[in-house]
N, C-alpha and C. Protein backbone atom coordinates (compact mmCIF):
# COMPACT_ATOMS: atom_id res chain seq x y z
N MET A 1 7.60 -26.88 -5.04
CA MET A 1 6.64 -25.79 -5.06
C MET A 1 6.31 -25.34 -3.62
N ASP A 2 6.30 -26.31 -2.71
CA ASP A 2 5.96 -25.98 -1.33
C ASP A 2 6.97 -25.02 -0.70
N ASP A 3 8.26 -25.36 -0.87
CA ASP A 3 9.29 -24.57 -0.20
C ASP A 3 9.69 -23.33 -1.00
N TYR A 4 9.02 -23.05 -2.09
CA TYR A 4 9.36 -21.86 -2.86
C TYR A 4 9.04 -20.61 -2.05
N MET A 5 7.85 -20.58 -1.44
CA MET A 5 7.50 -19.46 -0.59
C MET A 5 6.54 -19.95 0.49
N SER A 6 6.95 -19.80 1.73
CA SER A 6 6.10 -20.25 2.82
C SER A 6 4.92 -19.30 3.01
N LYS A 7 3.94 -19.74 3.75
CA LYS A 7 2.75 -18.91 3.97
C LYS A 7 3.10 -17.62 4.70
N GLU A 8 4.04 -17.71 5.65
CA GLU A 8 4.43 -16.51 6.40
C GLU A 8 5.05 -15.47 5.47
N GLU A 9 5.95 -15.91 4.61
CA GLU A 9 6.59 -14.99 3.68
C GLU A 9 5.56 -14.37 2.75
N TYR A 10 4.63 -15.20 2.28
CA TYR A 10 3.58 -14.71 1.37
C TYR A 10 2.72 -13.67 2.09
N ARG A 11 2.38 -13.95 3.35
CA ARG A 11 1.55 -13.04 4.12
C ARG A 11 2.28 -11.71 4.35
N GLU A 12 3.56 -11.79 4.67
CA GLU A 12 4.34 -10.56 4.89
C GLU A 12 4.41 -9.74 3.61
N MET A 13 4.66 -10.41 2.49
CA MET A 13 4.77 -9.70 1.22
C MET A 13 3.43 -9.04 0.87
N ARG A 14 2.33 -9.79 1.07
CA ARG A 14 1.01 -9.25 0.76
C ARG A 14 0.71 -8.04 1.65
N ASN A 15 1.06 -8.12 2.94
CA ASN A 15 0.83 -6.99 3.84
C ASN A 15 1.65 -5.78 3.41
N ALA A 16 2.88 -6.00 2.99
CA ALA A 16 3.73 -4.90 2.54
C ALA A 16 3.13 -4.24 1.30
N VAL A 17 2.63 -5.06 0.38
CA VAL A 17 2.02 -4.52 -0.84
C VAL A 17 0.76 -3.72 -0.49
N LEU A 18 -0.08 -4.28 0.37
CA LEU A 18 -1.31 -3.58 0.76
C LEU A 18 -0.98 -2.27 1.45
N ARG A 19 0.04 -2.30 2.33
CA ARG A 19 0.44 -1.09 3.05
C ARG A 19 0.92 -0.03 2.05
N GLY A 20 1.67 -0.47 1.05
CA GLY A 20 2.17 0.47 0.05
C GLY A 20 1.03 1.09 -0.75
N ILE A 21 0.04 0.27 -1.10
CA ILE A 21 -1.11 0.77 -1.85
C ILE A 21 -1.90 1.77 -1.00
N LEU A 22 -2.11 1.44 0.27
CA LEU A 22 -2.85 2.34 1.15
C LEU A 22 -2.10 3.65 1.33
N THR A 23 -0.78 3.57 1.48
CA THR A 23 0.02 4.78 1.63
C THR A 23 -0.08 5.65 0.39
N SER A 24 0.01 5.03 -0.78
CA SER A 24 -0.09 5.78 -2.04
C SER A 24 -1.46 6.45 -2.15
N ALA A 25 -2.51 5.70 -1.83
CA ALA A 25 -3.87 6.26 -1.91
C ALA A 25 -4.02 7.42 -0.94
N ALA A 26 -3.48 7.28 0.26
CA ALA A 26 -3.58 8.35 1.26
C ALA A 26 -2.84 9.60 0.77
N LEU A 27 -1.65 9.42 0.20
CA LEU A 27 -0.89 10.56 -0.31
C LEU A 27 -1.64 11.25 -1.44
N ILE A 28 -2.23 10.48 -2.33
CA ILE A 28 -2.98 11.05 -3.46
C ILE A 28 -4.19 11.84 -2.95
N LEU A 29 -4.94 11.24 -2.02
CA LEU A 29 -6.10 11.93 -1.46
C LEU A 29 -5.68 13.20 -0.74
N PHE A 30 -4.59 13.13 0.01
CA PHE A 30 -4.09 14.29 0.74
C PHE A 30 -3.71 15.40 -0.24
N THR A 31 -3.04 15.03 -1.32
CA THR A 31 -2.64 16.01 -2.33
C THR A 31 -3.86 16.67 -2.97
N ILE A 32 -4.86 15.85 -3.33
CA ILE A 32 -6.08 16.39 -3.93
C ILE A 32 -6.77 17.33 -2.94
N PHE A 33 -6.80 16.95 -1.67
CA PHE A 33 -7.43 17.78 -0.65
C PHE A 33 -6.72 19.13 -0.53
N ILE A 34 -5.37 19.10 -0.50
CA ILE A 34 -4.60 20.34 -0.40
C ILE A 34 -4.86 21.23 -1.61
N VAL A 35 -4.83 20.64 -2.80
CA VAL A 35 -5.07 21.41 -4.03
C VAL A 35 -6.47 22.01 -4.01
N TYR A 36 -7.45 21.22 -3.57
CA TYR A 36 -8.84 21.67 -3.54
C TYR A 36 -8.98 22.86 -2.57
N VAL A 37 -8.32 22.76 -1.42
CA VAL A 37 -8.42 23.83 -0.42
C VAL A 37 -7.69 25.09 -0.89
N VAL A 38 -6.50 24.91 -1.44
CA VAL A 38 -5.69 26.06 -1.87
C VAL A 38 -6.33 26.76 -3.07
N LEU A 39 -6.83 25.97 -4.02
CA LEU A 39 -7.45 26.57 -5.21
C LEU A 39 -8.94 26.66 -5.00
């Protein structure tokens, strides 16, 4: 169980997931902002 995933790998994966979520949220907010301004 220990060598299945090291802490570094887990941390990198978690950071990648968080970055992806933040990017998605930013894109959604940006799209809503553009639609709100245009319409």
